[in-house]
């Protein structure tokens, strides 16, 4: 059964670019389609479930389809914490701000993942298009089984919404990178001021951190 998208019960705070987190892959929704694309014939789509060694469970999307993900049996792996830049940052923000809250079904998750791959993988200057044919670019969908038409249409819609989005940034987007396994994007709804461009998000226990600050402020 599909589980609603959720993030870790964590507090995102600014940290230096060299900050690392230790996370473990715990699984994905089995019902989300496996697709064939120009970079792989057996690519699992949908949100990926992870466990952070400090903050707990959270979900992420892959931004590196050619790399494998770390199987649960591999245990915790260290990822560096960073951010997206340039057109990737703008388009991913447009994608998340325009569509992320509406992602619920397996097909929607698959289409959202394809839209992310298109944004981060497509050659600069090429049109954002996931179907093969004219102007297909370097990344495109070749097969997605029985759900092909629905997933293609949804991904195309999400990409169009990302390109056309002109509203405020609704999410902090964090990039988690590992040399051996898939890089990831993690989203956290913006509830305070957007961090400065040179800062990065670090997972810390939200309730514990806030509680510690509160105790320190109590009069003695």
Protein backbone atom coordinates (compact mmCIF):
# COMPACT_ATOMS: atom_id res chain seq x y z
CA UNK A 1 0.00 0.00 0.00
CA UNK A 2 1.23 3.47 -0.81
CA UNK A 3 2.44 5.47 2.16
CA UNK A 4 2.03 9.26 2.18
CA UNK A 5 5.19 11.24 1.55
CA UNK A 6 6.85 12.25 4.81
CA UNK A 7 10.15 13.66 5.96
CA UNK A 8 12.11 12.88 9.09
CA UNK A 9 11.03 14.58 12.29
CA UNK A 10 14.18 16.67 12.04
CA UNK A 11 15.35 20.25 12.19
CA UNK A 12 17.22 21.58 9.16
CA UNK A 13 19.92 24.04 10.14
CA UNK A 14 22.81 25.66 8.30
CA UNK A 15 26.18 23.89 8.28
CA UNK A 16 29.50 24.02 6.43
CA UNK A 17 29.78 22.31 3.06
CA UNK A 18 31.96 19.57 4.54
CA UNK A 19 29.18 18.29 6.82
CA UNK A 20 28.33 14.59 6.47
CA UNK A 21 25.34 12.45 7.43
CA UNK A 22 25.11 8.71 7.96
CA UNK A 23 22.03 7.13 6.37
CA UNK A 24 20.75 3.65 5.50
CA UNK A 25 18.41 2.65 2.67
CA UNK A 26 15.39 0.79 4.09
CA UNK A 27 13.23 0.18 1.01
CA UNK A 28 10.82 1.59 -1.54
CA UNK A 29 7.13 1.13 -2.34
CA UNK A 30 6.99 -2.17 -4.22
CA UNK A 31 4.09 -0.98 -6.39
CA UNK A 32 5.97 1.91 -8.00
CA UNK A 33 6.85 1.18 -11.65
CA UNK A 34 10.25 -0.01 -12.82
CA UNK A 35 11.11 1.78 -16.05
CA UNK A 36 13.57 1.65 -18.91
CA UNK A 37 15.30 4.88 -19.88
CA UNK A 38 18.20 5.98 -22.04
CA UNK A 39 20.54 5.45 -19.07
CA UNK A 40 19.23 2.10 -17.80
CA UNK A 41 16.79 -0.69 -18.57
CA UNK A 42 15.74 -1.54 -15.01
CA UNK A 43 15.36 1.71 -13.08
CA UNK A 44 13.19 1.70 -9.97
CA UNK A 45 11.13 4.86 -9.53
CA UNK A 46 9.33 6.51 -6.66
CA UNK A 47 10.29 7.78 -3.25
CA UNK A 48 13.12 5.97 -1.45
CA UNK A 49 12.95 5.31 2.27
CA UNK A 50 16.02 6.01 4.41
CA UNK A 51 17.00 6.02 8.04
CA UNK A 52 19.20 8.81 9.37
CA UNK A 53 21.43 7.78 12.29
CA UNK A 54 20.38 10.89 14.24
CA UNK A 55 17.04 12.16 13.02
CA UNK A 56 15.13 9.01 12.12
CA UNK A 57 13.21 7.99 8.99
CA UNK A 58 12.80 10.18 5.92
CA UNK A 59 12.12 9.91 2.20
CA UNK A 60 14.25 11.03 -0.72
CA UNK A 61 14.34 10.90 -4.51
CA UNK A 62 17.27 9.78 -6.63
CA UNK A 63 19.20 12.35 -8.69
CA UNK A 64 21.73 9.93 -10.19
CA UNK A 65 19.94 7.14 -12.12
CA UNK A 66 23.12 5.53 -13.47
CA UNK A 67 24.38 4.72 -9.96
CA UNK A 68 23.06 1.85 -7.78
CA UNK A 69 21.51 2.52 -4.39
CA UNK A 70 23.04 1.03 -1.26
CA UNK A 71 21.09 -2.11 -0.35
CA UNK A 72 19.77 -2.31 3.19
CA UNK A 73 22.30 -5.06 3.90
CA UNK A 74 25.10 -2.56 3.27
CA UNK A 75 24.12 -0.70 6.44
CA UNK A 76 24.74 2.97 7.06
CA UNK A 77 26.69 4.94 4.47
CA UNK A 78 28.19 8.39 4.73
CA UNK A 79 26.83 11.10 2.43
CA UNK A 80 28.09 14.64 2.07
CA UNK A 81 25.52 17.41 2.47
CA UNK A 82 25.30 20.03 -0.25
CA UNK A 83 22.93 21.96 -2.47
CA UNK A 84 21.92 22.31 -6.10
CA UNK A 85 23.06 25.29 -8.16
CA UNK A 86 22.18 27.14 -11.34
CA UNK A 87 19.35 25.98 -13.56
CA UNK A 88 19.10 22.66 -11.73
CA UNK A 89 18.34 24.46 -8.48
CA UNK A 90 15.74 26.69 -10.13
CA UNK A 91 13.99 23.88 -11.99
CA UNK A 92 13.98 21.50 -9.04
CA UNK A 93 12.52 24.24 -6.86
CA UNK A 94 9.88 24.87 -9.52
CA UNK A 95 9.12 21.15 -9.68
CA UNK A 96 8.78 20.72 -5.94
CA UNK A 97 6.94 23.98 -5.32
CA UNK A 98 4.41 23.34 -8.08
CA UNK A 99 3.79 19.60 -7.74
CA UNK A 100 5.30 17.90 -4.68
CA UNK A 101 2.23 18.21 -2.47
CA UNK A 102 0.08 16.45 -5.07
CA UNK A 103 2.28 13.32 -5.33
CA UNK A 104 0.44 10.33 -3.86
CA UNK A 105 -0.01 7.33 -6.19
CA UNK A 106 2.66 5.02 -7.56
CA UNK A 107 2.32 6.48 -11.06
CA UNK A 108 2.63 10.00 -9.69
CA UNK A 109 5.77 9.06 -7.78
CA UNK A 110 7.22 7.43 -10.90
CA UNK A 111 6.47 10.51 -13.00
CA UNK A 112 7.91 12.83 -10.36
CA UNK A 113 11.11 10.75 -10.27
CA UNK A 114 11.36 10.88 -14.07
CA UNK A 115 10.95 14.66 -13.97
CA UNK A 116 13.80 14.92 -11.46
CA UNK A 117 16.04 12.72 -13.62
CA UNK A 118 15.25 14.83 -16.66
CA UNK A 119 16.16 18.04 -14.85
CA UNK A 120 19.45 16.80 -13.39
CA UNK A 121 20.57 14.57 -16.29
CA UNK A 122 19.55 16.40 -19.46
CA UNK A 123 22.25 18.10 -21.47
CA UNK A 124 22.37 21.85 -20.99
CA UNK A 125 20.33 23.64 -23.63
CA UNK A 126 18.15 20.65 -24.48
CA UNK A 127 14.38 20.77 -24.05
CA UNK A 128 12.90 19.15 -20.94
CA UNK A 129 11.31 16.17 -22.62
CA UNK A 130 11.18 12.56 -21.43
CA UNK A 131 9.75 10.90 -24.55
CA UNK A 132 11.96 9.61 -27.35
CA UNK A 133 11.89 11.22 -30.78
CA UNK A 134 12.63 14.71 -32.01
CA UNK A 135 14.52 16.84 -29.47
CA UNK A 136 14.67 13.89 -27.08
CA UNK A 137 18.01 15.02 -25.68
CA UNK A 138 20.32 12.77 -23.67
CA UNK A 139 17.71 11.45 -21.21
CA UNK A 140 14.35 9.99 -22.17
CA UNK A 141 11.91 7.24 -21.29
CA UNK A 142 11.93 4.10 -23.43
CA UNK A 143 9.49 1.86 -21.54
CA UNK A 144 7.37 1.92 -18.40
CA UNK A 145 5.10 -1.10 -18.92
CA UNK A 146 1.31 -0.90 -18.76
CA UNK A 147 1.41 2.51 -17.09
CA UNK A 148 3.43 4.07 -19.91
CA UNK A 149 0.97 6.64 -21.22
CA UNK A 150 -0.18 7.80 -17.79
CA UNK A 151 3.35 8.13 -16.40
CA UNK A 152 4.62 9.92 -19.50
CA UNK A 153 1.73 12.38 -19.41
CA UNK A 154 2.23 13.09 -15.72
CA UNK A 155 5.98 13.58 -16.06
CA UNK A 156 5.45 15.95 -18.98
CA UNK A 157 2.92 17.90 -16.90
CA UNK A 158 5.32 18.14 -13.93
CA UNK A 159 8.17 19.35 -16.14
CA UNK A 160 5.96 21.98 -17.75
CA UNK A 161 4.83 23.16 -14.31
CA UNK A 162 8.46 23.33 -13.14
CA UNK A 163 9.49 25.47 -16.10
CA UNK A 164 6.52 27.78 -15.71
CA UNK A 165 6.62 28.19 -11.94
CA UNK A 166 7.11 31.79 -10.81
CA UNK A 167 5.88 31.67 -7.24
CA UNK A 168 7.86 31.64 -4.00
CA UNK A 169 10.22 28.81 -3.05
CA UNK A 170 8.20 26.37 -0.95
CA UNK A 171 10.95 23.90 -0.01
CA UNK A 172 14.52 23.69 1.17
CA UNK A 173 16.16 21.16 -1.16
CA UNK A 174 19.20 19.31 0.14
CA UNK A 175 21.56 17.23 -1.99
CA UNK A 176 23.12 14.16 -0.38
CA UNK A 177 26.12 12.82 -2.32
CA UNK A 178 28.07 9.56 -2.21
CA UNK A 179 30.79 8.51 -4.66
CA UNK A 180 29.60 4.89 -4.85
CA UNK A 181 25.81 5.17 -4.58
CA UNK A 182 22.95 7.28 -5.91
CA UNK A 183 22.95 10.94 -4.96
CA UNK A 184 19.68 12.05 -3.41
CA UNK A 185 17.42 15.08 -3.06
CA UNK A 186 15.56 15.63 0.21
CA UNK A 187 12.84 18.26 0.60
CA UNK A 188 11.75 20.11 3.71
CA UNK A 189 8.90 22.61 3.66
CA UNK A 190 10.06 26.16 4.25
CA UNK A 191 8.61 27.51 7.46
CA UNK A 192 11.24 30.17 8.15
CA UNK A 193 13.59 32.32 6.07
CA UNK A 194 15.39 30.61 3.18
CA UNK A 195 19.06 29.82 4.08
CA UNK A 196 21.80 31.82 2.38
CA UNK A 197 23.12 30.21 -0.86
CA UNK A 198 26.47 29.30 0.71
CA UNK A 199 24.88 27.29 3.53
CA UNK A 200 23.80 23.67 3.56
CA UNK A 201 21.27 21.58 5.43
CA UNK A 202 22.38 19.16 8.14
CA UNK A 203 20.09 16.59 9.74
CA UNK A 204 19.80 17.07 13.51
CA UNK A 205 17.21 15.82 15.92
CA UNK A 206 14.56 18.52 15.85
CA UNK A 207 12.81 17.95 19.12
CA UNK A 208 16.02 17.26 21.02
CA UNK A 209 17.75 20.34 19.61
CA UNK A 210 14.84 22.67 20.29
CA UNK A 211 14.43 21.21 23.76
CA UNK A 212 18.10 21.78 24.53
CA UNK A 213 17.86 25.42 23.51
CA UNK A 214 14.75 25.88 25.63
CA UNK A 215 16.42 24.44 28.71
CA UNK A 216 19.43 26.71 28.27
CA UNK A 217 17.16 29.79 28.20
CA UNK A 218 15.34 28.97 31.43
CA UNK A 219 16.25 31.30 34.32
CA UNK A 220 18.35 29.71 37.03
